Amino acid sequence: MKAYMGFSKEGGPSEGACLIFAHNAREALKLARPFLDSWFNLGFTDSKVKLIKDAEYFFKTEANPKKLAKDEAHIITSPRVCKQCETWGDELDNNGLCSECADEQEEE
C-alpha cells in the first residue's frame, strides 16, 4: 500500500487535496475522482494523484488501521493540517505546525 495526494490538475493541491491509501496510482485516482468532483465540480480528466514519498508519518497518523489491516484502499478527505498555514503534506510537530511554520516561529 502507498500514500497519494489527490487534487485538481487546474487548481493544484493548494486549492484542496485528499489523502489516499491505495495499491497503485490507478486505484488512488479511482477513489479520488468522486470526492474531488464533489468539491470542485471537475471534469473526468481534471483529477490527479501524486505519490507521497516517505509517507510513514501518514500511515501512522491518518490511515484507518482496520482498513490497513485488511489491505483495503481508502481515502481521507480531511487530513490534519498545520495550525498556522492550514496545509497538509508535511509532518506536523507536537505544536501542530509543519516544519516551515515551526521554523518561522523560531525566527521570531
PDB file of N, CA and C in Angstrom:
ATOM      1  N   MET A   1       0.857  -1.177   0.000  1.00  0.00           N
ATOM      2  CA  MET A   1       0.000   0.000   0.000  1.00  0.00           C
ATOM      3  C   MET A   1       0.900   1.236   0.000  1.00  0.00           C
ATOM      4  N   LYS A   2       0.457   2.249  -0.730  1.00  0.00           N
ATOM      5  CA  LYS A   2       1.196   3.506  -0.843  1.00  0.00           C
ATOM      6  C   LYS A   2       0.261   4.671  -0.515  1.00  0.00           C
ATOM      7  N   ALA A   3       0.837   5.824  -0.230  1.00  0.00           N
ATOM      8  CA  ALA A   3       0.052   7.026   0.049  1.00  0.00           C
ATOM      9  C   ALA A   3       0.136   7.969  -1.147  1.00  0.00           C
ATOM     10  N   TYR A   4      -1.013   8.583  -1.474  1.00  0.00           N
ATOM     11  CA  TYR A   4      -1.105   9.511  -2.594  1.00  0.00           C
ATOM     12  C   TYR A   4      -1.846  10.764  -2.158  1.00  0.00           C
ATOM     13  N   MET A   5      -1.555  11.871  -2.831  1.00  0.00           N
ATOM     14  CA  MET A   5      -2.299  13.111  -2.669  1.00  0.00           C
ATOM     15  C   MET A   5      -3.149  13.264  -3.926  1.00  0.00           C
ATOM     16  N   GLY A   6      -4.454  13.455  -3.738  1.00  0.00           N
ATOM     17  CA  GLY A   6      -5.351  13.663  -4.867  1.00  0.00           C
ATOM     18  C   GLY A   6      -5.789  15.120  -4.920  1.00  0.00           C
ATOM     19  N   PHE A   7      -5.799  15.702  -6.120  1.00  0.00           N
ATOM     20  CA  PHE A   7      -6.139  17.115  -6.271  1.00  0.00           C
ATOM     21  C   PHE A   7      -6.554  17.415  -7.699  1.00  0.00           C
ATOM     22  N   SER A   8      -7.048  18.614  -7.922  1.00  0.00           N
ATOM     23  CA  SER A   8      -7.436  19.078  -9.244  1.00  0.00           C
ATOM     24  C   SER A   8      -6.184  19.498 -10.011  1.00  0.00           C
ATOM     25  N   LYS A   9      -6.070  19.067 -11.260  1.00  0.00           N
ATOM     26  CA  LYS A   9      -4.938  19.491 -12.098  1.00  0.00           C
ATOM     27  C   LYS A   9      -4.927  21.005 -12.266  1.00  0.00           C
ATOM     28  N   GLU A  10      -6.101  21.580 -12.459  1.00  0.00           N
ATOM     29  CA  GLU A  10      -6.197  23.016 -12.714  1.00  0.00           C
ATOM     30  C   GLU A  10      -5.837  23.841 -11.487  1.00  0.00           C
ATOM     31  N   GLY A  11      -6.420  23.502 -10.341  1.00  0.00           N
ATOM     32  CA  GLY A  11      -6.208  24.291  -9.127  1.00  0.00           C
ATOM     33  C   GLY A  11      -4.953  23.919  -8.359  1.00  0.00           C
ATOM     34  N   GLY A  12      -4.505  22.687  -8.525  1.00  0.00           N
ATOM     35  CA  GLY A  12      -3.337  22.223  -7.788  1.00  0.00           C
ATOM     36  C   GLY A  12      -3.687  21.871  -6.353  1.00  0.00           C
ATOM     37  N   PRO A  13      -2.751  21.270  -5.632  1.00  0.00           N
ATOM     38  CA  PRO A  13      -3.026  20.835  -4.269  1.00  0.00           C
ATOM     39  C   PRO A  13      -3.320  21.968  -3.295  1.00  0.00           C
ATOM     40  N   SER A  14      -2.863  23.171  -3.582  1.00  0.00           N
ATOM     41  CA  SER A  14      -3.102  24.273  -2.656  1.00  0.00           C
ATOM     42  C   SER A  14      -4.580  24.665  -2.605  1.00  0.00           C
ATOM     43  N   GLU A  15      -5.347  24.306  -3.621  1.00  0.00           N
ATOM     44  CA  GLU A  15      -6.784  24.601  -3.655  1.00  0.00           C
ATOM     45  C   GLU A  15      -7.593  23.587  -2.855  1.00  0.00           C
ATOM     46  N   GLY A  16      -6.993  22.457  -2.535  1.00  0.00           N
ATOM     47  CA  GLY A  16      -7.668  21.399  -1.794  1.00  0.00           C
ATOM     48  C   GLY A  16      -7.173  20.052  -2.262  1.00  0.00           C
ATOM     49  N   ALA A  17      -6.905  19.169  -1.325  1.00  0.00           N
ATOM     50  CA  ALA A  17      -6.390  17.856  -1.678  1.00  0.00           C
ATOM     51  C   ALA A  17      -6.858  16.824  -0.669  1.00  0.00           C
ATOM     52  N   CYS A  18      -6.960  15.587  -1.121  1.00  0.00           N
ATOM     53  CA  CYS A  18      -7.322  14.484  -0.237  1.00  0.00           C
ATOM     54  C   CYS A  18      -6.145  13.514  -0.155  1.00  0.00           C
ATOM     55  N   LEU A  19      -6.137  12.724   0.877  1.00  0.00           N
ATOM     56  CA  LEU A  19      -5.095  11.734   1.120  1.00  0.00           C
ATOM     57  C   LEU A  19      -5.671  10.368   0.805  1.00  0.00           C
ATOM     58  N   ILE A  20      -4.951   9.592   0.012  1.00  0.00           N
ATOM     59  CA  ILE A  20      -5.445   8.293  -0.424  1.00  0.00           C
ATOM     60  C   ILE A  20      -4.413   7.223  -0.107  1.00  0.00           C
ATOM     61  N   PHE A  21      -4.882   6.120   0.427  1.00  0.00           N
ATOM     62  CA  PHE A  21      -4.043   4.950   0.643  1.00  0.00           C
ATOM     63  C   PHE A  21      -4.511   3.898  -0.355  1.00  0.00           C
ATOM     64  N   ALA A  22      -3.635   3.537  -1.284  1.00  0.00           N
ATOM     65  CA  ALA A  22      -4.019   2.622  -2.356  1.00  0.00           C
ATOM     66  C   ALA A  22      -2.804   1.804  -2.784  1.00  0.00           C
ATOM     67  N   HIS A  23      -3.073   0.781  -3.572  1.00  0.00           N
ATOM     68  CA  HIS A  23      -2.009  -0.103  -4.036  1.00  0.00           C
ATOM     69  C   HIS A  23      -1.243   0.484  -5.220  1.00  0.00           C
ATOM     70  N   ASN A  24      -1.910   1.326  -5.999  1.00  0.00           N
ATOM     71  CA  ASN A  24      -1.253   1.947  -7.156  1.00  0.00           C
ATOM     72  C   ASN A  24      -1.984   3.233  -7.518  1.00  0.00           C
ATOM     73  N   ALA A  25      -1.422   3.984  -8.431  1.00  0.00           N
ATOM     74  CA  ALA A  25      -1.981   5.287  -8.809  1.00  0.00           C
ATOM     75  C   ALA A  25      -3.358   5.159  -9.446  1.00  0.00           C
ATOM     76  N   ARG A  26      -3.574   4.112 -10.222  1.00  0.00           N
ATOM     77  CA  ARG A  26      -4.875   3.924 -10.877  1.00  0.00           C
ATOM     78  C   ARG A  26      -5.981   3.745  -9.822  1.00  0.00           C
ATOM     79  N   GLU A  27      -5.704   2.931  -8.817  1.00  0.00           N
ATOM     80  CA  GLU A  27      -6.676   2.718  -7.750  1.00  0.00           C
ATOM     81  C   GLU A  27      -6.894   4.003  -6.950  1.00  0.00           C
ATOM     82  N   ALA A  28      -5.825   4.747  -6.684  1.00  0.00           N
ATOM     83  CA  ALA A  28      -5.926   6.012  -5.956  1.00  0.00           C
ATOM     84  C   ALA A  28      -6.786   7.012  -6.728  1.00  0.00           C
ATOM     85  N   LEU A  29      -6.581   7.097  -8.009  1.00  0.00           N
ATOM     86  CA  LEU A  29      -7.349   8.027  -8.841  1.00  0.00           C
ATOM     87  C   LEU A  29      -8.827   7.644  -8.853  1.00  0.00           C
ATOM     88  N   LYS A  30      -9.109   6.358  -8.892  1.00  0.00           N
ATOM     89  CA  LYS A  30     -10.497   5.881  -8.885  1.00  0.00           C
ATOM     90  C   LYS A  30     -11.201   6.293  -7.585  1.00  0.00           C
ATOM     91  N   LEU A  31     -10.484   6.236  -6.466  1.00  0.00           N
ATOM     92  CA  LEU A  31     -11.054   6.658  -5.186  1.00  0.00           C
ATOM     93  C   LEU A  31     -11.188   8.177  -5.098  1.00  0.00           C
ATOM     94  N   ALA A  32     -10.222   8.890  -5.647  1.00  0.00           N
ATOM     95  CA  ALA A  32     -10.182  10.349  -5.520  1.00  0.00           C
ATOM     96  C   ALA A  32     -11.224  11.067  -6.373  1.00  0.00           C
ATOM     97  N   ARG A  33     -11.487  10.562  -7.554  1.00  0.00           N
ATOM     98  CA  ARG A  33     -12.353  11.289  -8.508  1.00  0.00           C
ATOM     99  C   ARG A  33     -13.704  11.707  -7.942  1.00  0.00           C
ATOM    100  N   PRO A  34     -14.471  10.826  -7.303  1.00  0.00           N
ATOM    101  CA  PRO A  34     -15.788  11.271  -6.811  1.00  0.00           C
ATOM    102  C   PRO A  34     -15.694  12.389  -5.769  1.00  0.00           C
ATOM    103  N   PHE A  35     -14.705  12.307  -4.891  1.00  0.00           N
ATOM    104  CA  PHE A  35     -14.553  13.341  -3.867  1.00  0.00           C
ATOM    105  C   PHE A  35     -14.106  14.659  -4.484  1.00  0.00           C
ATOM    106  N   LEU A  36     -13.140  14.602  -5.354  1.00  0.00           N
ATOM    107  CA  LEU A  36     -12.656  15.834  -5.992  1.00  0.00           C
ATOM    108  C   LEU A  36     -13.738  16.466  -6.839  1.00  0.00           C
ATOM    109  N   ASP A  37     -14.508  15.648  -7.520  1.00  0.00           N
ATOM    110  CA  ASP A  37     -15.599  16.184  -8.340  1.00  0.00           C
ATOM    111  C   ASP A  37     -16.638  16.875  -7.459  1.00  0.00           C
ATOM    112  N   SER A  38     -16.914  16.321  -6.296  1.00  0.00           N
ATOM    113  CA  SER A  38     -17.907  16.958  -5.415  1.00  0.00           C
ATOM    114  C   SER A  38     -17.394  18.275  -4.840  1.00  0.00           C
ATOM    115  N   TRP A  39     -16.089  18.386  -4.669  1.00  0.00           N
ATOM    116  CA  TRP A  39     -15.508  19.628  -4.146  1.00  0.00           C
ATOM    117  C   TRP A  39     -15.407  20.705  -5.207  1.00  0.00           C
ATOM    118  N   PHE A  40     -14.983  20.318  -6.401  1.00  0.00           N
ATOM    119  CA  PHE A  40     -14.611  21.302  -7.424  1.00  0.00           C
ATOM    120  C   PHE A  40     -15.472  21.258  -8.677  1.00  0.00           C
ATOM    121  N   ASN A  41     -16.424  20.316  -8.766  1.00  0.00           N
ATOM    122  CA  ASN A  41     -17.212  20.143  -9.976  1.00  0.00           C
ATOM    123  C   ASN A  41     -16.292  19.957 -11.190  1.00  0.00           C
ATOM    124  N   LEU A  42     -15.405  19.004 -11.048  1.00  0.00           N
ATOM    125  CA  LEU A  42     -14.385  18.752 -12.067  1.00  0.00           C
ATOM    126  C   LEU A  42     -14.918  17.916 -13.212  1.00  0.00           C
ATOM    127  N   GLY A  43     -14.238  18.027 -14.324  1.00  0.00           N
ATOM    128  CA  GLY A  43     -14.463  17.084 -15.401  1.00  0.00           C
ATOM    129  C   GLY A  43     -13.721  15.785 -15.079  1.00  0.00           C
ATOM    130  N   PHE A  44     -14.045  14.741 -15.776  1.00  0.00           N
ATOM    131  CA  PHE A  44     -13.485  13.416 -15.506  1.00  0.00           C
ATOM    132  C   PHE A  44     -11.955  13.418 -15.587  1.00  0.00           C
ATOM    133  N   THR A  45     -11.382  14.220 -16.456  1.00  0.00           N
ATOM    134  CA  THR A  45      -9.936  14.184 -16.678  1.00  0.00           C
ATOM    135  C   THR A  45      -9.165  15.216 -15.857  1.00  0.00           C
ATOM    136  N   ASP A  46      -9.830  15.967 -14.998  1.00  0.00           N
ATOM    137  CA  ASP A  46      -9.144  17.022 -14.253  1.00  0.00           C
ATOM    138  C   ASP A  46      -8.608  16.567 -12.895  1.00  0.00           C
ATOM    139  N   SER A  47      -8.790  15.312 -12.531  1.00  0.00           N
ATOM    140  CA  SER A  47      -8.276  14.798 -11.263  1.00  0.00           C
ATOM    141  C   SER A  47      -6.874  14.254 -11.450  1.00  0.00           C
ATOM    142  N   LYS A  48      -6.063  14.413 -10.406  1.00  0.00           N
ATOM    143  CA  LYS A  48      -4.683  13.944 -10.474  1.00  0.00           C
ATOM    144  C   LYS A  48      -4.294  13.370  -9.114  1.00  0.00           C
ATOM    145  N   VAL A  49      -3.430  12.362  -9.111  1.00  0.00           N
ATOM    146  CA  VAL A  49      -2.867  11.847  -7.868  1.00  0.00           C
ATOM    147  C   VAL A  49      -1.349  11.876  -7.984  1.00  0.00           C
ATOM    148  N   LYS A  50      -0.723  12.104  -6.842  1.00  0.00           N
ATOM    149  CA  LYS A  50       0.738  12.154  -6.793  1.00  0.00           C
ATOM    150  C   LYS A  50       1.198  11.293  -5.623  1.00  0.00           C
ATOM    151  N   LEU A  51       2.159  10.430  -5.880  1.00  0.00           N
ATOM    152  CA  LEU A  51       2.712   9.571  -4.845  1.00  0.00           C
ATOM    153  C   LEU A  51       3.391  10.420  -3.776  1.00  0.00           C
ATOM    154  N   ILE A  52       3.131  10.100  -2.519  1.00  0.00           N
ATOM    155  CA  ILE A  52       3.801  10.769  -1.412  1.00  0.00           C
ATOM    156  C   ILE A  52       4.958   9.881  -0.988  1.00  0.00           C
ATOM    157  N   LYS A  53       6.164  10.344  -1.204  1.00  0.00           N
ATOM    158  CA  LYS A  53       7.343   9.581  -0.795  1.00  0.00           C
ATOM    159  C   LYS A  53       7.554   9.754   0.704  1.00  0.00           C
ATOM    160  N   ASP A  54       8.178   8.784   1.313  1.00  0.00           N
ATOM    161  CA  ASP A  54       8.421   8.825   2.766  1.00  0.00           C
ATOM    162  C   ASP A  54       7.121   9.111   3.516  1.00  0.00           C
ATOM    163  N   ALA A  55       6.121   8.289   3.289  1.00  0.00           N
ATOM    164  CA  ALA A  55       4.778   8.520   3.822  1.00  0.00           C
ATOM    165  C   ALA A  55       4.521   7.819   5.151  1.00  0.00           C
ATOM    166  N   GLU A  56       5.543   7.353   5.810  1.00  0.00           N
ATOM    167  CA  GLU A  56       5.370   6.632   7.074  1.00  0.00           C
ATOM    168  C   GLU A  56       4.531   7.441   8.072  1.00  0.00           C
ATOM    169  N   TYR A  57       4.777   8.730   8.160  1.00  0.00           N
ATOM    170  CA  TYR A  57       4.028   9.608   9.065  1.00  0.00           C
ATOM    171  C   TYR A  57       2.522   9.511   8.805  1.00  0.00           C
ATOM    172  N   PHE A  58       2.118   9.528   7.529  1.00  0.00           N
ATOM    173  CA  PHE A  58       0.698   9.477   7.189  1.00  0.00           C
ATOM    174  C   PHE A  58       0.090   8.116   7.503  1.00  0.00           C
ATOM    175  N   PHE A  59       0.867   7.065   7.337  1.00  0.00           N
ATOM    176  CA  PHE A  59       0.365   5.738   7.697  1.00  0.00           C
ATOM    177  C   PHE A  59       0.139   5.655   9.203  1.00  0.00           C
ATOM    178  N   LYS A  60       0.999   6.282   9.983  1.00  0.00           N
ATOM    179  CA  LYS A  60       0.872   6.250  11.447  1.00  0.00           C
ATOM    180  C   LYS A  60      -0.254   7.147  11.954  1.00  0.00           C
ATOM    181  N   THR A  61      -0.420   8.318  11.353  1.00  0.00           N
ATOM    182  CA  THR A  61      -1.333   9.324  11.917  1.00  0.00           C
ATOM    183  C   THR A  61      -2.682   9.436  11.218  1.00  0.00           C
ATOM    184  N   GLU A  62      -2.789   9.055   9.965  1.00  0.00           N
ATOM    185  CA  GLU A  62      -4.008   9.316   9.204  1.00  0.00           C
ATOM    186  C   GLU A  62      -4.737   8.068   8.709  1.00  0.00           C
ATOM    187  N   ALA A  63      -4.005   7.019   8.411  1.00  0.00           N
ATOM    188  CA  ALA A  63      -4.631   5.837   7.820  1.00  0.00           C
ATOM    189  C   ALA A  63      -5.595   5.160   8.794  1.00  0.00           C
ATOM    190  N   ASN A  64      -6.610   4.551   8.258  1.00  0.00           N
ATOM    191  CA  ASN A  64      -7.565   3.782   9.041  1.00  0.00           C
ATOM    192  C   ASN A  64      -6.923   2.423   9.346  1.00  0.00           C
ATOM    193  N   PRO A  65      -6.593   2.151  10.609  1.00  0.00           N
ATOM    194  CA  PRO A  65      -5.877   0.914  10.937  1.00  0.00           C
ATOM    195  C   PRO A  65      -6.641  -0.360  10.566  1.00  0.00           C
ATOM    196  N   LYS A  66      -7.952  -0.339  10.669  1.00  0.00           N
ATOM    197  CA  LYS A  66      -8.745  -1.521  10.307  1.00  0.00           C
ATOM    198  C   LYS A  66      -8.671  -1.789   8.811  1.00  0.00           C
ATOM    199  N   LYS A  67      -8.729  -0.716   8.024  1.00  0.00           N
ATOM    200  CA  LYS A  67      -8.647  -0.888   6.571  1.00  0.00           C
ATOM    201  C   LYS A  67      -7.237  -1.280   6.149  1.00  0.00           C
ATOM    202  N   LEU A  68      -6.229  -0.732   6.814  1.00  0.00           N
ATOM    203  CA  LEU A  68      -4.852  -1.135   6.513  1.00  0.00           C
ATOM    204  C   LEU A  68      -4.642  -2.618   6.814  1.00  0.00           C
ATOM    205  N   ALA A  69      -5.176  -3.076   7.944  1.00  0.00           N
ATOM    206  CA  ALA A  69      -5.028  -4.481   8.328  1.00  0.00           C
ATOM    207  C   ALA A  69      -5.663  -5.412   7.292  1.00  0.00           C
ATOM    208  N   LYS A  70      -6.737  -4.930   6.646  1.00  0.00           N
ATOM    209  CA  LYS A  70      -7.418  -5.706   5.600  1.00  0.00           C
ATOM    210  C   LYS A  70      -6.810  -5.462   4.223  1.00  0.00           C
ATOM    211  N   ASP A  71      -5.774  -4.604   4.163  1.00  0.00           N
ATOM    212  CA  ASP A  71      -5.147  -4.218   2.904  1.00  0.00           C
ATOM    213  C   ASP A  71      -6.168  -3.563   1.962  1.00  0.00           C
ATOM    214  N   GLU A  72      -7.071  -2.771   2.554  1.00  0.00           N
ATOM    215  CA  GLU A  72      -8.155  -2.125   1.825  1.00  0.00           C
ATOM    216  C   GLU A  72      -7.809  -0.665   1.519  1.00  0.00           C
ATOM    217  N   ALA A  73      -7.872  -0.312   0.261  1.00  0.00           N
ATOM    218  CA  ALA A  73      -7.621   1.076  -0.143  1.00  0.00           C
ATOM    219  C   ALA A  73      -8.698   1.973   0.446  1.00  0.00           C
ATOM    220  N   HIS A  74      -8.314   3.191   0.801  1.00  0.00           N
ATOM    221  CA  HIS A  74      -9.280   4.134   1.364  1.00  0.00           C
ATOM    222  C   HIS A  74      -8.784   5.567   1.221  1.00  0.00           C
ATOM    223  N   ILE A  75      -9.710   6.498   1.474  1.00  0.00           N
ATOM    224  CA  ILE A  75      -9.422   7.921   1.277  1.00  0.00           C
ATOM    225  C   ILE A  75      -9.696   8.687   2.578  1.00  0.00           C
ATOM    226  N   ILE A  76      -8.865   9.659   2.838  1.00  0.00           N
ATOM    227  CA  ILE A  76      -9.042  10.580   3.963  1.00  0.00           C
ATOM    228  C   ILE A  76      -9.316  11.942   3.330  1.00  0.00           C
ATOM    229  N   THR A  77     -10.536  12.420   3.493  1.00  0.00           N
ATOM    230  CA  THR A  77     -10.905  13.664   2.808  1.00  0.00           C
ATOM    231  C   THR A  77     -10.429  14.908   3.543  1.00  0.00           C
ATOM    232  N   SER A  78     -10.156  14.779   4.831  1.00  0.00           N
ATOM    233  CA  SER A  78      -9.697  15.934   5.611  1.00  0.00           C
ATOM    234  C   SER A  78      -8.524  15.547   6.512  1.00  0.00           C
ATOM    235  N   PRO A  79      -7.326  15.422   5.939  1.00  0.00           N
ATOM    236  CA  PRO A  79      -6.165  15.116   6.780  1.00  0.00           C
ATOM    237  C   PRO A  79      -5.868  16.266   7.743  1.00  0.00           C
ATOM    238  N   ARG A  80      -5.161  15.965   8.805  1.00  0.00           N
ATOM    239  CA  ARG A  80      -4.764  17.015   9.761  1.00  0.00           C
ATOM    240  C   ARG A  80      -3.908  18.052   9.048  1.00  0.00           C
ATOM    241  N   VAL A  81      -4.169  19.307   9.369  1.00  0.00           N
ATOM    242  CA  VAL A  81      -3.451  20.405   8.716  1.00  0.00           C
ATOM    243  C   VAL A  81      -2.629  21.184   9.737  1.00  0.00           C
ATOM    244  N   CYS A  82      -1.669  21.920   9.247  1.00  0.00           N
ATOM    245  CA  CYS A  82      -0.850  22.797  10.082  1.00  0.00           C
ATOM    246  C   CYS A  82      -1.762  23.863  10.694  1.00  0.00           C
ATOM    247  N   LYS A  83      -1.588  24.118  11.975  1.00  0.00           N
ATOM    248  CA  LYS A  83      -2.426  25.110  12.668  1.00  0.00           C
ATOM    249  C   LYS A  83      -2.208  26.526  12.155  1.00  0.00           C
ATOM    250  N   GLN A  84      -1.065  26.782  11.540  1.00  0.00           N
ATOM    251  CA  GLN A  84      -0.776  28.137  11.084  1.00  0.00           C
ATOM    252  C   GLN A  84      -1.120  28.328   9.609  1.00  0.00           C
ATOM    253  N   CYS A  85      -0.583  27.513   8.735  1.00  0.00           N
ATOM    254  CA  CYS A  85      -0.790  27.724   7.297  1.00  0.00           C
ATOM    255  C   CYS A  85      -1.951  26.914   6.727  1.00  0.00           C
ATOM    256  N   GLU A  86      -2.509  26.018   7.531  1.00  0.00           N
ATOM    257  CA  GLU A  86      -3.673  25.218   7.167  1.00  0.00           C
ATOM    258  C   GLU A  86      -3.463  24.350   5.931  1.00  0.00           C
ATOM    259  N   THR A  87      -2.229  23.889   5.734  1.00  0.00           N
ATOM    260  CA  THR A  87      -1.939  22.948   4.651  1.00  0.00           C
ATOM    261  C   THR A  87      -1.521  21.618   5.257  1.00  0.00           C
ATOM    262  N   TRP A  88      -1.522  20.577   4.438  1.00  0.00           N
ATOM    263  CA  TRP A  88      -1.020  19.291   4.879  1.00  0.00           C
ATOM    264  C   TRP A  88      -0.071  18.764   3.807  1.00  0.00           C
ATOM    265  N   GLY A  89       0.629  17.724   4.139  1.00  0.00           N
ATOM    266  CA  GLY A  89       1.598  17.155   3.208  1.00  0.00           C
ATOM    267  C   GLY A  89       2.959  17.066   3.855  1.00  0.00           C
ATOM    268  N   ASP A  90       3.111  17.692   5.003  1.00  0.00           N
ATOM    269  CA  ASP A  90       4.354  17.688   5.763  1.00  0.00           C
ATOM    270  C   ASP A  90       4.033  17.159   7.159  1.00  0.00           C
ATOM    271  N   GLU A  91       4.983  16.509   7.768  1.00  0.00           N
ATOM    272  CA  GLU A  91       4.801  16.029   9.129  1.00  0.00           C
ATOM    273  C   GLU A  91       4.588  17.213  10.069  1.00  0.00           C
ATOM    274  N   LEU A  92       3.660  17.068  10.999  1.00  0.00           N
ATOM    275  CA  LEU A  92       3.384  18.132  11.966  1.00  0.00           C
ATOM    276  C   LEU A  92       4.132  17.852  13.261  1.00  0.00           C
ATOM    277  N   ASP A  93       4.616  18.921  13.908  1.00  0.00           N
ATOM    278  CA  ASP A  93       5.329  18.753  15.174  1.00  0.00           C
ATOM    279  C   ASP A  93       4.330  18.656  16.330  1.00  0.00           C
ATOM    280  N   ASN A  94       4.830  18.610  17.553  1.00  0.00           N
ATOM    281  CA  ASN A  94       3.963  18.482  18.728  1.00  0.00           C
ATOM    282  C   ASN A  94       3.029  19.680  18.918  1.00  0.00           C
ATOM    283  N   ASN A  95       3.363  20.810  18.300  1.00  0.00           N
ATOM    284  CA  ASN A  95       2.517  22.003  18.377  1.00  0.00           C
ATOM    285  C   ASN A  95       1.518  22.080  17.223  1.00  0.00           C
ATOM    286  N   GLY A  96       1.521  21.065  16.354  1.00  0.00           N
ATOM    287  CA  GLY A  96       0.609  21.056  15.218  1.00  0.00           C
ATOM    288  C   GLY A  96       1.067  21.917  14.064  1.00  0.00           C
ATOM    289  N   LEU A  97       2.384  22.185  13.980  1.00  0.00           N
ATOM    290  CA  LEU A  97       2.932  23.029  12.916  1.00  0.00           C
ATOM    291  C   LEU A  97       3.779  22.217  11.946  1.00  0.00           C
ATOM    292  N   CYS A  98       3.728  22.588  10.667  1.00  0.00           N
ATOM    293  CA  CYS A  98       4.618  21.986   9.679  1.00  0.00           C
ATOM    294  C   CYS A  98       6.028  22.547   9.902  1.00  0.00           C
ATOM    295  N   SER A  99       6.999  21.942   9.275  1.00  0.00           N
ATOM    296  CA  SER A  99       8.389  22.360   9.510  1.00  0.00           C
ATOM    297  C   SER A  99       8.630  23.812   9.105  1.00  0.00           C
ATOM    298  N   GLU A 100       8.006  24.251   8.029  1.00  0.00           N
ATOM    299  CA  GLU A 100       8.191  25.632   7.572  1.00  0.00           C
ATOM    300  C   GLU A 100       7.643  26.636   8.589  1.00  0.00           C
ATOM    301  N   CYS A 101       6.451  26.390   9.092  1.00  0.00           N
ATOM    302  CA  CYS A 101       5.848  27.307  10.072  1.00  0.00           C
ATOM    303  C   CYS A 101       6.575  27.234  11.410  1.00  0.00           C
ATOM    304  N   ALA A 102       7.039  26.054  11.786  1.00  0.00           N
ATOM    305  CA  ALA A 102       7.804  25.913  13.026  1.00  0.00           C
ATOM    306  C   ALA A 102       9.105  26.703  12.932  1.00  0.00           C
ATOM    307  N   ASP A 103       9.761  26.659  11.764  1.00  0.00           N
ATOM    308  CA  ASP A 103      10.994  27.424  11.559  1.00  0.00           C
ATOM    309  C   ASP A 103      10.729  28.928  11.654  1.00  0.00           C
ATOM    310  N   GLU A 104       9.599  29.370  11.069  1.00  0.00           N
ATOM    311  CA  GLU A 104       9.239  30.792  11.126  1.00  0.00           C
ATOM    312  C   GLU A 104       9.011  31.249  12.565  1.00  0.00           C
ATOM    313  N   GLN A 105       8.374  30.410  13.362  1.00  0.00           N
ATOM    314  CA  GLN A 105       8.129  30.777  14.777  1.00  0.00           C
ATOM    315  C   GLN A 105       9.432  30.879  15.553  1.00  0.00           C
ATOM    316  N   GLU A 106      10.391  30.012  15.256  1.00  0.00           N
ATOM    317  CA  GLU A 106      11.679  30.057  15.934  1.00  0.00           C
ATOM    318  C   GLU A 106      12.439  31.330  15.611  1.00  0.00           C
ATOM    319  N   GLU A 107      12.273  31.826  14.382  1.00  0.00           N
ATOM    320  CA  GLU A 107      12.965  33.050  13.950  1.00  0.00           C
ATOM    321  C   GLU A 107      12.404  34.295  14.607  1.00  0.00           C
ATOM    322  N   GLU A 108      11.149  34.250  15.042  1.00  0.00           N
ATOM    323  CA  GLU A 108      10.501  35.449  15.612  1.00  0.00           C
ATOM    324  C   GLU A 108      10.981  35.743  17.006  1.00  0.00           C
TER     325      GLU A 108
END
